[in-house]
Amino acid sequence: MTKKLEVQMVEWTGKPAYQQVAEQLRRRIAAGEFAETGKLPSLADLQATYGVTVTVARDAIRQLRTDGLAVSHQGKGAFLTAQAADAAKLAGPEAAIAELREQVARLQGEVVELRERVAGLEGK
């Protein structure tokens, strides 16, 4: 039995509503909430749960498909891919933060190199 995560209604944060819904679904997938059936909530369920339009719900599912977490079957709904739970964990905010940290570390190294080059040029 999997534990159900607390669902939050979409709010204006500057981030598109569909991305907020997709992120919440990604967290729920990573937690194993849909593992038993492999089926994601219907568009109507997403609308009711998150207080969004059908367009936002459809775009959230489309984002999960783009991320490789779901596949859709006409008239049947959206289902998790075989690797969805692992992929959801990697695609979450933690992975983005780790990637940003790596980029910052690389940039810091480049800045040090540039400082040394400028100091060398100014010393001549």
PDB file of N, CA and C in Angstrom:
ATOM      1  N   MET A   1       0.844  -1.184   0.000  1.00  0.00           N
ATOM      2  CA  MET A   1       0.000   0.000   0.000  1.00  0.00           C
ATOM      3  C   MET A   1       0.886   1.243   0.000  1.00  0.00           C
ATOM      4  N   THR A   2       0.576   2.188  -0.852  1.00  0.00           N
ATOM      5  CA  THR A   2       1.392   3.401  -0.945  1.00  0.00           C
ATOM      6  C   THR A   2       0.713   4.528  -0.195  1.00  0.00           C
ATOM      7  N   LYS A   3       1.542   5.435   0.312  1.00  0.00           N
ATOM      8  CA  LYS A   3       0.953   6.574   1.005  1.00  0.00           C
ATOM      9  C   LYS A   3       0.590   7.643  -0.009  1.00  0.00           C
ATOM     10  N   LYS A   4      -0.466   8.361   0.274  1.00  0.00           N
ATOM     11  CA  LYS A   4      -0.931   9.404  -0.629  1.00  0.00           C
ATOM     12  C   LYS A   4      -0.360  10.742  -0.165  1.00  0.00           C
ATOM     13  N   LEU A   5       0.246  11.464  -1.078  1.00  0.00           N
ATOM     14  CA  LEU A   5       0.804  12.771  -0.756  1.00  0.00           C
ATOM     15  C   LEU A   5      -0.296  13.814  -0.712  1.00  0.00           C
ATOM     16  N   GLU A   6      -0.057  14.858   0.069  1.00  0.00           N
ATOM     17  CA  GLU A   6      -1.017  15.956   0.118  1.00  0.00           C
ATOM     18  C   GLU A   6      -0.988  16.708  -1.206  1.00  0.00           C
ATOM     19  N   VAL A   7      -2.147  16.936  -1.760  1.00  0.00           N
ATOM     20  CA  VAL A   7      -2.274  17.626  -3.041  1.00  0.00           C
ATOM     21  C   VAL A   7      -2.579  19.097  -2.759  1.00  0.00           C
ATOM     22  N   GLN A   8      -1.909  19.973  -3.496  1.00  0.00           N
ATOM     23  CA  GLN A   8      -2.132  21.403  -3.325  1.00  0.00           C
ATOM     24  C   GLN A   8      -2.788  21.977  -4.569  1.00  0.00           C
ATOM     25  N   MET A   9      -3.703  22.884  -4.352  1.00  0.00           N
ATOM     26  CA  MET A   9      -4.352  23.561  -5.466  1.00  0.00           C
ATOM     27  C   MET A   9      -3.309  24.443  -6.154  1.00  0.00           C
ATOM     28  N   VAL A  10      -3.503  24.668  -7.424  1.00  0.00           N
ATOM     29  CA  VAL A  10      -2.595  25.505  -8.201  1.00  0.00           C
ATOM     30  C   VAL A  10      -2.814  26.970  -7.814  1.00  0.00           C
ATOM     31  N   GLU A  11      -1.714  27.675  -7.609  1.00  0.00           N
ATOM     32  CA  GLU A  11      -1.781  29.095  -7.259  1.00  0.00           C
ATOM     33  C   GLU A  11      -0.907  29.880  -8.221  1.00  0.00           C
ATOM     34  N   TRP A  12      -1.118  31.180  -8.276  1.00  0.00           N
ATOM     35  CA  TRP A  12      -0.283  32.010  -9.135  1.00  0.00           C
ATOM     36  C   TRP A  12       1.080  32.163  -8.484  1.00  0.00           C
ATOM     37  N   THR A  13       2.083  31.571  -9.119  1.00  0.00           N
ATOM     38  CA  THR A  13       3.453  31.639  -8.612  1.00  0.00           C
ATOM     39  C   THR A  13       4.399  32.199  -9.658  1.00  0.00           C
ATOM     40  N   GLY A  14       3.876  32.500 -10.840  1.00  0.00           N
ATOM     41  CA  GLY A  14       4.729  32.921 -11.933  1.00  0.00           C
ATOM     42  C   GLY A  14       5.086  31.747 -12.824  1.00  0.00           C
ATOM     43  N   LYS A  15       4.832  30.540 -12.350  1.00  0.00           N
ATOM     44  CA  LYS A  15       5.082  29.328 -13.135  1.00  0.00           C
ATOM     45  C   LYS A  15       3.752  28.894 -13.732  1.00  0.00           C
ATOM     46  N   PRO A  16       3.741  28.494 -15.005  1.00  0.00           N
ATOM     47  CA  PRO A  16       2.480  28.082 -15.629  1.00  0.00           C
ATOM     48  C   PRO A  16       1.769  26.990 -14.828  1.00  0.00           C
ATOM     49  N   ALA A  17       0.440  27.061 -14.816  1.00  0.00           N
ATOM     50  CA  ALA A  17      -0.368  26.116 -14.037  1.00  0.00           C
ATOM     51  C   ALA A  17      -0.103  24.673 -14.452  1.00  0.00           C
ATOM     52  N   TYR A  18       0.050  24.428 -15.756  1.00  0.00           N
ATOM     53  CA  TYR A  18       0.261  23.044 -16.190  1.00  0.00           C
ATOM     54  C   TYR A  18       1.562  22.487 -15.628  1.00  0.00           C
ATOM     55  N   GLN A  19       2.590  23.350 -15.489  1.00  0.00           N
ATOM     56  CA  GLN A  19       3.858  22.893 -14.923  1.00  0.00           C
ATOM     57  C   GLN A  19       3.701  22.572 -13.437  1.00  0.00           C
ATOM     58  N   GLN A  20       2.902  23.372 -12.743  1.00  0.00           N
ATOM     59  CA  GLN A  20       2.661  23.101 -11.331  1.00  0.00           C
ATOM     60  C   GLN A  20       1.955  21.757 -11.149  1.00  0.00           C
ATOM     61  N   VAL A  21       0.943  21.510 -11.985  1.00  0.00           N
ATOM     62  CA  VAL A  21       0.213  20.246 -11.907  1.00  0.00           C
ATOM     63  C   VAL A  21       1.147  19.091 -12.272  1.00  0.00           C
ATOM     64  N   ALA A  22       1.935  19.250 -13.321  1.00  0.00           N
ATOM     65  CA  ALA A  22       2.868  18.202 -13.733  1.00  0.00           C
ATOM     66  C   ALA A  22       3.874  17.901 -12.629  1.00  0.00           C
ATOM     67  N   GLU A  23       4.366  18.931 -11.942  1.00  0.00           N
ATOM     68  CA  GLU A  23       5.322  18.723 -10.849  1.00  0.00           C
ATOM     69  C   GLU A  23       4.678  17.957  -9.698  1.00  0.00           C
ATOM     70  N   GLN A  24       3.437  18.313  -9.376  1.00  0.00           N
ATOM     71  CA  GLN A  24       2.762  17.589  -8.298  1.00  0.00           C
ATOM     72  C   GLN A  24       2.514  16.139  -8.690  1.00  0.00           C
ATOM     73  N   LEU A  25       2.115  15.909  -9.936  1.00  0.00           N
ATOM     74  CA  LEU A  25       1.922  14.537 -10.403  1.00  0.00           C
ATOM     75  C   LEU A  25       3.249  13.780 -10.385  1.00  0.00           C
ATOM     76  N   ARG A  26       4.329  14.461 -10.771  1.00  0.00           N
ATOM     77  CA  ARG A  26       5.658  13.840 -10.767  1.00  0.00           C
ATOM     78  C   ARG A  26       6.037  13.396  -9.358  1.00  0.00           C
ATOM     79  N   ARG A  27       5.750  14.249  -8.366  1.00  0.00           N
ATOM     80  CA  ARG A  27       6.037  13.888  -6.973  1.00  0.00           C
ATOM     81  C   ARG A  27       5.196  12.681  -6.543  1.00  0.00           C
ATOM     82  N   ARG A  28       3.937  12.674  -6.948  1.00  0.00           N
ATOM     83  CA  ARG A  28       3.057  11.554  -6.601  1.00  0.00           C
ATOM     84  C   ARG A  28       3.520  10.263  -7.283  1.00  0.00           C
ATOM     85  N   ILE A  29       3.996  10.376  -8.523  1.00  0.00           N
ATOM     86  CA  ILE A  29       4.517   9.209  -9.244  1.00  0.00           C
ATOM     87  C   ILE A  29       5.769   8.692  -8.524  1.00  0.00           C
ATOM     88  N   ALA A  30       6.673   9.604  -8.174  1.00  0.00           N
ATOM     89  CA  ALA A  30       7.915   9.225  -7.492  1.00  0.00           C
ATOM     90  C   ALA A  30       7.625   8.534  -6.160  1.00  0.00           C
ATOM     91  N   ALA A  31       6.541   8.938  -5.503  1.00  0.00           N
ATOM     92  CA  ALA A  31       6.156   8.337  -4.223  1.00  0.00           C
ATOM     93  C   ALA A  31       5.450   6.996  -4.407  1.00  0.00           C
ATOM     94  N   GLY A  32       5.186   6.625  -5.650  1.00  0.00           N
ATOM     95  CA  GLY A  32       4.556   5.333  -5.924  1.00  0.00           C
ATOM     96  C   GLY A  32       3.050   5.324  -5.826  1.00  0.00           C
ATOM     97  N   GLU A  33       2.448   6.498  -5.818  1.00  0.00           N
ATOM     98  CA  GLU A  33       1.000   6.584  -5.617  1.00  0.00           C
ATOM     99  C   GLU A  33       0.190   5.863  -6.700  1.00  0.00           C
ATOM    100  N   PHE A  34       0.655   5.868  -7.928  1.00  0.00           N
ATOM    101  CA  PHE A  34      -0.116   5.262  -9.024  1.00  0.00           C
ATOM    102  C   PHE A  34       0.454   3.905  -9.449  1.00  0.00           C
ATOM    103  N   ALA A  35       1.397   3.392  -8.691  1.00  0.00           N
ATOM    104  CA  ALA A  35       2.105   2.170  -9.083  1.00  0.00           C
ATOM    105  C   ALA A  35       1.181   0.954  -9.192  1.00  0.00           C
ATOM    106  N   GLU A  36       0.188   0.867  -8.329  1.00  0.00           N
ATOM    107  CA  GLU A  36      -0.681  -0.310  -8.318  1.00  0.00           C
ATOM    108  C   GLU A  36      -1.420  -0.501  -9.643  1.00  0.00           C
ATOM    109  N   THR A  37      -2.030   0.565 -10.135  1.00  0.00           N
ATOM    110  CA  THR A  37      -2.808   0.459 -11.375  1.00  0.00           C
ATOM    111  C   THR A  37      -2.024   0.929 -12.591  1.00  0.00           C
ATOM    112  N   GLY A  38      -1.048   1.803 -12.362  1.00  0.00           N
ATOM    113  CA  GLY A  38      -0.294   2.370 -13.468  1.00  0.00           C
ATOM    114  C   GLY A  38      -1.059   3.431 -14.232  1.00  0.00           C
ATOM    115  N   LYS A  39      -2.263   3.754 -13.773  1.00  0.00           N
ATOM    116  CA  LYS A  39      -3.112   4.717 -14.477  1.00  0.00           C
ATOM    117  C   LYS A  39      -3.089   6.058 -13.747  1.00  0.00           C
ATOM    118  N   LEU A  40      -2.910   7.111 -14.520  1.00  0.00           N
ATOM    119  CA  LEU A  40      -2.956   8.463 -13.965  1.00  0.00           C
ATOM    120  C   LEU A  40      -4.410   8.920 -13.858  1.00  0.00           C
ATOM    121  N   PRO A  41      -4.674   9.937 -13.034  1.00  0.00           N
ATOM    122  CA  PRO A  41      -6.046  10.447 -12.936  1.00  0.00           C
ATOM    123  C   PRO A  41      -6.540  10.955 -14.291  1.00  0.00           C
ATOM    124  N   SER A  42      -7.843  10.885 -14.488  1.00  0.00           N
ATOM    125  CA  SER A  42      -8.447  11.391 -15.719  1.00  0.00           C
ATOM    126  C   SER A  42      -8.343  12.911 -15.753  1.00  0.00           C
ATOM    127  N   LEU A  43      -8.591  13.487 -16.918  1.00  0.00           N
ATOM    128  CA  LEU A  43      -8.577  14.952 -17.038  1.00  0.00           C
ATOM    129  C   LEU A  43      -9.605  15.572 -16.099  1.00  0.00           C
ATOM    130  N   ALA A  44     -10.778  14.952 -15.996  1.00  0.00           N
ATOM    131  CA  ALA A  44     -11.827  15.462 -15.099  1.00  0.00           C
ATOM    132  C   ALA A  44     -11.363  15.405 -13.642  1.00  0.00           C
ATOM    133  N   ASP A  45     -10.690  14.319 -13.276  1.00  0.00           N
ATOM    134  CA  ASP A  45     -10.165  14.202 -11.907  1.00  0.00           C
ATOM    135  C   ASP A  45      -9.115  15.268 -11.631  1.00  0.00           C
ATOM    136  N   LEU A  46      -8.244  15.515 -12.615  1.00  0.00           N
ATOM    137  CA  LEU A  46      -7.219  16.547 -12.442  1.00  0.00           C
ATOM    138  C   LEU A  46      -7.857  17.922 -12.289  1.00  0.00           C
ATOM    139  N   GLN A  47      -8.883  18.179 -13.094  1.00  0.00           N
ATOM    140  CA  GLN A  47      -9.592  19.454 -12.991  1.00  0.00           C
ATOM    141  C   GLN A  47     -10.162  19.642 -11.587  1.00  0.00           C
ATOM    142  N   ALA A  48     -10.803  18.607 -11.076  1.00  0.00           N
ATOM    143  CA  ALA A  48     -11.430  18.696  -9.752  1.00  0.00           C
ATOM    144  C   ALA A  48     -10.385  18.790  -8.640  1.00  0.00           C
ATOM    145  N   THR A  49      -9.337  18.002  -8.749  1.00  0.00           N
ATOM    146  CA  THR A  49      -8.310  17.962  -7.707  1.00  0.00           C
ATOM    147  C   THR A  49      -7.535  19.257  -7.606  1.00  0.00           C
ATOM    148  N   TYR A  50      -7.138  19.802  -8.749  1.00  0.00           N
ATOM    149  CA  TYR A  50      -6.264  20.974  -8.755  1.00  0.00           C
ATOM    150  C   TYR A  50      -6.974  22.285  -9.064  1.00  0.00           C
ATOM    151  N   GLY A  51      -8.256  22.207  -9.397  1.00  0.00           N
ATOM    152  CA  GLY A  51      -9.005  23.431  -9.691  1.00  0.00           C
ATOM    153  C   GLY A  51      -8.528  24.121 -10.953  1.00  0.00           C
ATOM    154  N   VAL A  52      -8.256  23.328 -11.989  1.00  0.00           N
ATOM    155  CA  VAL A  52      -7.726  23.874 -13.240  1.00  0.00           C
ATOM    156  C   VAL A  52      -8.673  23.561 -14.395  1.00  0.00           C
ATOM    157  N   THR A  53      -8.400  24.162 -15.542  1.00  0.00           N
ATOM    158  CA  THR A  53      -9.204  23.912 -16.738  1.00  0.00           C
ATOM    159  C   THR A  53      -8.758  22.603 -17.390  1.00  0.00           C
ATOM    160  N   VAL A  54      -9.571  22.129 -18.306  1.00  0.00           N
ATOM    161  CA  VAL A  54      -9.221  20.903 -19.035  1.00  0.00           C
ATOM    162  C   VAL A  54      -7.953  21.116 -19.853  1.00  0.00           C
ATOM    163  N   THR A  55      -7.752  22.315 -20.346  1.00  0.00           N
ATOM    164  CA  THR A  55      -6.541  22.616 -21.127  1.00  0.00           C
ATOM    165  C   THR A  55      -5.294  22.475 -20.257  1.00  0.00           C
ATOM    166  N   VAL A  56      -5.351  22.993 -19.041  1.00  0.00           N
ATOM    167  CA  VAL A  56      -4.218  22.889 -18.124  1.00  0.00           C
ATOM    168  C   VAL A  56      -3.963  21.418 -17.777  1.00  0.00           C
ATOM    169  N   ALA A  57      -5.032  20.669 -17.505  1.00  0.00           N
ATOM    170  CA  ALA A  57      -4.893  19.248 -17.182  1.00  0.00           C
ATOM    171  C   ALA A  57      -4.273  18.490 -18.354  1.00  0.00           C
ATOM    172  N   ARG A  58      -4.746  18.766 -19.555  1.00  0.00           N
ATOM    173  CA  ARG A  58      -4.225  18.105 -20.757  1.00  0.00           C
ATOM    174  C   ARG A  58      -2.748  18.448 -20.959  1.00  0.00           C
ATOM    175  N   ASP A  59      -2.392  19.717 -20.752  1.00  0.00           N
ATOM    176  CA  ASP A  59      -0.994  20.126 -20.924  1.00  0.00           C
ATOM    177  C   ASP A  59      -0.088  19.497 -19.860  1.00  0.00           C
ATOM    178  N   ALA A  60      -0.599  19.288 -18.651  1.00  0.00           N
ATOM    179  CA  ALA A  60       0.188  18.637 -17.596  1.00  0.00           C
ATOM    180  C   ALA A  60       0.497  17.194 -17.991  1.00  0.00           C
ATOM    181  N   ILE A  61      -0.497  16.498 -18.512  1.00  0.00           N
ATOM    182  CA  ILE A  61      -0.288  15.120 -18.971  1.00  0.00           C
ATOM    183  C   ILE A  61       0.677  15.117 -20.158  1.00  0.00           C
ATOM    184  N   ARG A  62       0.525  16.089 -21.047  1.00  0.00           N
ATOM    185  CA  ARG A  62       1.431  16.193 -22.200  1.00  0.00           C
ATOM    186  C   ARG A  62       2.877  16.380 -21.715  1.00  0.00           C
ATOM    187  N   GLN A  63       3.059  17.183 -20.663  1.00  0.00           N
ATOM    188  CA  GLN A  63       4.403  17.396 -20.108  1.00  0.00           C
ATOM    189  C   GLN A  63       4.966  16.090 -19.572  1.00  0.00           C
ATOM    190  N   LEU A  64       4.146  15.300 -18.897  1.00  0.00           N
ATOM    191  CA  LEU A  64       4.606  14.009 -18.378  1.00  0.00           C
ATOM    192  C   LEU A  64       4.967  13.063 -19.518  1.00  0.00           C
ATOM    193  N   ARG A  65       4.206  13.130 -20.611  1.00  0.00           N
ATOM    194  CA  ARG A  65       4.547  12.308 -21.787  1.00  0.00           C
ATOM    195  C   ARG A  65       5.887  12.754 -22.366  1.00  0.00           C
ATOM    196  N   THR A  66       6.082  14.063 -22.482  1.00  0.00           N
ATOM    197  CA  THR A  66       7.336  14.614 -23.005  1.00  0.00           C
ATOM    198  C   THR A  66       8.513  14.186 -22.136  1.00  0.00           C
ATOM    199  N   ASP A  67       8.290  14.130 -20.825  1.00  0.00           N
ATOM    200  CA  ASP A  67       9.343  13.734 -19.888  1.00  0.00           C
ATOM    201  C   ASP A  67       9.562  12.222 -19.852  1.00  0.00           C
ATOM    202  N   GLY A  68       8.744  11.469 -20.605  1.00  0.00           N
ATOM    203  CA  GLY A  68       8.893  10.023 -20.654  1.00  0.00           C
ATOM    204  C   GLY A  68       8.274   9.286 -19.490  1.00  0.00           C
ATOM    205  N   LEU A  69       7.392   9.955 -18.756  1.00  0.00           N
ATOM    206  CA  LEU A  69       6.777   9.331 -17.583  1.00  0.00           C
ATOM    207  C   LEU A  69       5.435   8.679 -17.883  1.00  0.00           C
ATOM    208  N   ALA A  70       4.802   9.074 -18.975  1.00  0.00           N
ATOM    209  CA  ALA A  70       3.457   8.582 -19.269  1.00  0.00           C
ATOM    210  C   ALA A  70       3.257   8.372 -20.758  1.00  0.00           C
ATOM    211  N   VAL A  71       2.287   7.533 -21.051  1.00  0.00           N
ATOM    212  CA  VAL A  71       1.810   7.337 -22.412  1.00  0.00           C
ATOM    213  C   VAL A  71       0.297   7.466 -22.356  1.00  0.00           C
ATOM    214  N   SER A  72      -0.300   7.947 -23.442  1.00  0.00           N
ATOM    215  CA  SER A  72      -1.750   8.101 -23.499  1.00  0.00           C
ATOM    216  C   SER A  72      -2.327   7.132 -24.509  1.00  0.00           C
ATOM    217  N   HIS A  73      -3.504   6.629 -24.184  1.00  0.00           N
ATOM    218  CA  HIS A  73      -4.234   5.752 -25.098  1.00  0.00           C
ATOM    219  C   HIS A  73      -5.614   6.369 -25.303  1.00  0.00           C
ATOM    220  N   GLN A  74      -5.916   6.712 -26.539  1.00  0.00           N
ATOM    221  CA  GLN A  74      -7.174   7.363 -26.882  1.00  0.00           C
ATOM    222  C   GLN A  74      -8.363   6.633 -26.239  1.00  0.00           C
ATOM    223  N   GLY A  75      -9.149   7.374 -25.489  1.00  0.00           N
ATOM    224  CA  GLY A  75     -10.350   6.826 -24.878  1.00  0.00           C
ATOM    225  C   GLY A  75     -10.119   6.016 -23.616  1.00  0.00           C
ATOM    226  N   LYS A  76      -8.853   5.765 -23.268  1.00  0.00           N
ATOM    227  CA  LYS A  76      -8.564   4.955 -22.076  1.00  0.00           C
ATOM    228  C   LYS A  76      -7.866   5.743 -20.982  1.00  0.00           C
ATOM    229  N   GLY A  77      -7.134   6.787 -21.363  1.00  0.00           N
ATOM    230  CA  GLY A  77      -6.458   7.605 -20.369  1.00  0.00           C
ATOM    231  C   GLY A  77      -4.954   7.584 -20.516  1.00  0.00           C
ATOM    232  N   ALA A  78      -4.300   8.073 -19.480  1.00  0.00           N
ATOM    233  CA  ALA A  78      -2.837   8.146 -19.452  1.00  0.00           C
ATOM    234  C   ALA A  78      -2.313   7.130 -18.447  1.00  0.00           C
ATOM    235  N   PHE A  79      -1.226   6.466 -18.836  1.00  0.00           N
ATOM    236  CA  PHE A  79      -0.646   5.421 -18.013  1.00  0.00           C
ATOM    237  C   PHE A  79       0.843   5.671 -17.830  1.00  0.00           C
ATOM    238  N   LEU A  80       1.373   5.177 -16.706  1.00  0.00           N
ATOM    239  CA  LEU A  80       2.792   5.327 -16.423  1.00  0.00           C
ATOM    240  C   LEU A  80       3.623   4.441 -17.342  1.00  0.00           C
ATOM    241  N   THR A  81       4.794   4.916 -17.684  1.00  0.00           N
ATOM    242  CA  THR A  81       5.741   4.079 -18.412  1.00  0.00           C
ATOM    243  C   THR A  81       6.420   3.160 -17.394  1.00  0.00           C
ATOM    244  N   ALA A  82       7.104   2.138 -17.877  1.00  0.00           N
ATOM    245  CA  ALA A  82       7.736   1.163 -16.989  1.00  0.00           C
ATOM    246  C   ALA A  82       8.747   1.813 -16.036  1.00  0.00           C
ATOM    247  N   GLN A  83       9.464   2.811 -16.506  1.00  0.00           N
ATOM    248  CA  GLN A  83      10.499   3.446 -15.683  1.00  0.00           C
ATOM    249  C   GLN A  83      10.028   4.759 -15.061  1.00  0.00           C
ATOM    250  N   ALA A  84       8.735   5.009 -15.018  1.00  0.00           N
ATOM    251  CA  ALA A  84       8.200   6.300 -14.577  1.00  0.00           C
ATOM    252  C   ALA A  84       8.612   6.680 -13.158  1.00  0.00           C
ATOM    253  N   ALA A  85       8.524   5.753 -12.205  1.00  0.00           N
ATOM    254  CA  ALA A  85       8.834   6.095 -10.812  1.00  0.00           C
ATOM    255  C   ALA A  85      10.286   6.540 -10.670  1.00  0.00           C
ATOM    256  N   ASP A  86      11.210   5.804 -11.288  1.00  0.00           N
ATOM    257  CA  ASP A  86      12.621   6.187 -11.217  1.00  0.00           C
ATOM    258  C   ASP A  86      12.874   7.488 -11.957  1.00  0.00           C
ATOM    259  N   ALA A  87      12.276   7.632 -13.132  1.00  0.00           N
ATOM    260  CA  ALA A  87      12.455   8.846 -13.928  1.00  0.00           C
ATOM    261  C   ALA A  87      11.871  10.056 -13.209  1.00  0.00           C
ATOM    262  N   ALA A  88      10.742   9.872 -12.512  1.00  0.00           N
ATOM    263  CA  ALA A  88      10.118  10.987 -11.789  1.00  0.00           C
ATOM    264  C   ALA A  88      11.036  11.471 -10.674  1.00  0.00           C
ATOM    265  N   LYS A  89      11.720  10.549 -10.038  1.00  0.00           N
ATOM    266  CA  LYS A  89      12.648  10.936  -8.969  1.00  0.00           C
ATOM    267  C   LYS A  89      13.810  11.742  -9.532  1.00  0.00           C
ATOM    268  N   LEU A  90      14.274  11.354 -10.711  1.00  0.00           N
ATOM    269  CA  LEU A  90      15.390  12.059 -11.341  1.00  0.00           C
ATOM    270  C   LEU A  90      14.972  13.399 -11.922  1.00  0.00           C
ATOM    271  N   ALA A  91      13.715  13.501 -12.375  1.00  0.00           N
ATOM    272  CA  ALA A  91      13.253  14.713 -13.041  1.00  0.00           C
ATOM    273  C   ALA A  91      12.726  15.755 -12.061  1.00  0.00           C
ATOM    274  N   GLY A  92      12.725  15.439 -10.788  1.00  0.00           N
ATOM    275  CA  GLY A  92      12.182  16.355  -9.799  1.00  0.00           C
ATOM    276  C   GLY A  92      13.104  17.523  -9.514  1.00  0.00           C
ATOM    277  N   PRO A  93      12.689  18.379  -8.602  1.00  0.00           N
ATOM    278  CA  PRO A  93      13.461  19.572  -8.264  1.00  0.00           C
ATOM    279  C   PRO A  93      14.866  19.253  -7.752  1.00  0.00           C
ATOM    280  N   GLU A  94      15.025  18.111  -7.070  1.00  0.00           N
ATOM    281  CA  GLU A  94      16.331  17.762  -6.539  1.00  0.00           C
ATOM    282  C   GLU A  94      17.344  17.591  -7.661  1.00  0.00           C
ATOM    283  N   ALA A  95      16.927  16.968  -8.751  1.00  0.00           N
ATOM    284  CA  ALA A  95      17.831  16.777  -9.889  1.00  0.00           C
ATOM    285  C   ALA A  95      18.184  18.113 -10.517  1.00  0.00           C
ATOM    286  N   ALA A  96      17.207  18.992 -10.607  1.00  0.00           N
ATOM    287  CA  ALA A  96      17.456  20.319 -11.178  1.00  0.00           C
ATOM    288  C   ALA A  96      18.435  21.102 -10.307  1.00  0.00           C
ATOM    289  N   ILE A  97      18.287  20.982  -9.006  1.00  0.00           N
ATOM    290  CA  ILE A  97      19.189  21.677  -8.078  1.00  0.00           C
ATOM    291  C   ILE A  97      20.604  21.121  -8.218  1.00  0.00           C
ATOM    292  N   ALA A  98      20.717  19.805  -8.321  1.00  0.00           N
ATOM    293  CA  ALA A  98      22.041  19.194  -8.482  1.00  0.00           C
ATOM    294  C   ALA A  98      22.699  19.669  -9.773  1.00  0.00           C
ATOM    295  N   GLU A  99      21.918  19.737 -10.847  1.00  0.00           N
ATOM    296  CA  GLU A  99      22.458  20.201 -12.121  1.00  0.00           C
ATOM    297  C   GLU A  99      22.912  21.658 -12.025  1.00  0.00           C
ATOM    298  N   LEU A 100      22.118  22.489 -11.361  1.00  0.00           N
ATOM    299  CA  LEU A 100      22.493  23.895 -11.187  1.00  0.00           C
ATOM    300  C   LEU A 100      23.771  24.023 -10.366  1.00  0.00           C
ATOM    301  N   ARG A 101      23.908  23.197  -9.347  1.00  0.00           N
ATOM    302  CA  ARG A 101      25.125  23.241  -8.529  1.00  0.00           C
ATOM    303  C   ARG A 101      26.349  22.896  -9.366  1.00  0.00           C
ATOM    304  N   GLU A 102      26.206  21.891 -10.233  1.00  0.00           N
ATOM    305  CA  GLU A 102      27.320  21.523 -11.111  1.00  0.00           C
ATOM    306  C   GLU A 102      27.674  22.669 -12.045  1.00  0.00           C
ATOM    307  N   GLN A 103      26.655  23.325 -12.595  1.00  0.00           N
ATOM    308  CA  GLN A 103      26.901  24.448 -13.493  1.00  0.00           C
ATOM    309  C   GLN A 103      27.589  25.594 -12.763  1.00  0.00           C
ATOM    310  N   VAL A 104      27.150  25.888 -11.547  1.00  0.00           N
ATOM    311  CA  VAL A 104      27.760  26.960 -10.762  1.00  0.00           C
ATOM    312  C   VAL A 104      29.220  26.626 -10.475  1.00  0.00           C
ATOM    313  N   ALA A 105      29.493  25.380 -10.114  1.00  0.00           N
ATOM    314  CA  ALA A 105      30.877  24.981  -9.833  1.00  0.00           C
ATOM    315  C   ALA A 105      31.748  25.149 -11.073  1.00  0.00           C
ATOM    316  N   ARG A 106      31.224  24.761 -12.240  1.00  0.00           N
ATOM    317  CA  ARG A 106      31.975  24.933 -13.495  1.00  0.00           C
ATOM    318  C   ARG A 106      32.239  26.408 -13.765  1.00  0.00           C
ATOM    319  N   LEU A 107      31.213  27.223 -13.583  1.00  0.00           N
ATOM    320  CA  LEU A 107      31.359  28.661 -13.822  1.00  0.00           C
ATOM    321  C   LEU A 107      32.369  29.282 -12.857  1.00  0.00           C
ATOM    322  N   GLN A 108      32.340  28.837 -11.607  1.00  0.00           N
ATOM    323  CA  GLN A 108      33.306  29.364 -10.643  1.00  0.00           C
ATOM    324  C   GLN A 108      34.729  29.031 -11.076  1.00  0.00           C
ATOM    325  N   GLY A 109      34.926  27.826 -11.583  1.00  0.00           N
ATOM    326  CA  GLY A 109      36.244  27.434 -12.083  1.00  0.00           C
ATOM    327  C   GLY A 109      36.674  28.297 -13.252  1.00  0.00           C
ATOM    328  N   GLU A 110      35.747  28.577 -14.150  1.00  0.00           N
ATOM    329  CA  GLU A 110      36.055  29.420 -15.308  1.00  0.00           C
ATOM    330  C   GLU A 110      36.383  30.840 -14.879  1.00  0.00           C
ATOM    331  N   VAL A 111      35.678  31.357 -13.878  1.00  0.00           N
ATOM    332  CA  VAL A 111      35.949  32.713 -13.387  1.00  0.00           C
ATOM    333  C   VAL A 111      37.353  32.786 -12.793  1.00  0.00           C
ATOM    334  N   VAL A 112      37.740  31.764 -12.042  1.00  0.00           N
ATOM    335  CA  VAL A 112      39.091  31.734 -11.471  1.00  0.00           C
ATOM    336  C   VAL A 112      40.130  31.758 -12.593  1.00  0.00           C
ATOM    337  N   GLU A 113      39.908  30.937 -13.634  1.00  0.00           N
ATOM    338  CA  GLU A 113      40.833  30.910 -14.767  1.00  0.00           C
ATOM    339  C   GLU A 113      40.916  32.276 -15.446  1.00  0.00           C
ATOM    340  N   LEU A 114      39.771  32.910 -15.650  1.00  0.00           N
ATOM    341  CA  LEU A 114      39.761  34.229 -16.291  1.00  0.00           C
ATOM    342  C   LEU A 114      40.485  35.267 -15.443  1.00  0.00           C
ATOM    343  N   ARG A 115      40.285  35.220 -14.126  1.00  0.00           N
ATOM    344  CA  ARG A 115      40.987  36.159 -13.243  1.00  0.00           C
ATOM    345  C   ARG A 115      42.498  35.994 -13.384  1.00  0.00           C
ATOM    346  N   GLU A 116      42.937  34.735 -13.410  1.00  0.00           N
ATOM    347  CA  GLU A 116      44.366  34.469 -13.533  1.00  0.00           C
ATOM    348  C   GLU A 116      44.903  34.961 -14.881  1.00  0.00           C
ATOM    349  N   ARG A 117      44.143  34.766 -15.941  1.00  0.00           N
ATOM    350  CA  ARG A 117      44.574  35.236 -17.251  1.00  0.00           C
ATOM    351  C   ARG A 117      44.639  36.745 -17.305  1.00  0.00           C
ATOM    352  N   VAL A 118      43.626  37.430 -16.736  1.00  0.00           N
ATOM    353  CA  VAL A 118      43.611  38.889 -16.726  1.00  0.00           C
ATOM    354  C   VAL A 118      44.776  39.404 -15.887  1.00  0.00           C
ATOM    355  N   ALA A 119      45.011  38.794 -14.746  1.00  0.00           N
ATOM    356  CA  ALA A 119      46.126  39.214 -13.889  1.00  0.00           C
ATOM    357  C   ALA A 119      47.449  39.028 -14.630  1.00  0.00           C
ATOM    358  N   GLY A 120      47.573  37.947 -15.367  1.00  0.00           N
ATOM    359  CA  GLY A 120      48.792  37.712 -16.154  1.00  0.00           C
ATOM    360  C   GLY A 120      48.972  38.767 -17.241  1.00  0.00           C
ATOM    361  N   LEU A 121      47.880  39.147 -17.900  1.00  0.00           N
ATOM    362  CA  LEU A 121      47.947  40.145 -18.963  1.00  0.00           C
ATOM    363  C   LEU A 121      48.243  41.531 -18.388  1.00  0.00           C
ATOM    364  N   GLU A 122      47.675  41.845 -17.243  1.00  0.00           N
ATOM    365  CA  GLU A 122      47.894  43.156 -16.625  1.00  0.00           C
ATOM    366  C   GLU A 122      49.316  43.266 -16.067  1.00  0.00           C
ATOM    367  N   GLY A 123      49.883  42.124 -15.676  1.00  0.00           N
ATOM    368  CA  GLY A 123      51.236  42.126 -15.106  1.00  0.00           C
ATOM    369  C   GLY A 123      52.317  42.350 -16.144  1.00  0.00           C
ATOM    370  N   LYS A 124      51.996  42.228 -17.420  1.00  0.00           N
ATOM    371  CA  LYS A 124      53.003  42.380 -18.478  1.00  0.00           C
ATOM    372  C   LYS A 124      53.271  43.808 -18.779  1.00  0.00           C
TER     373      LYS A 124
END
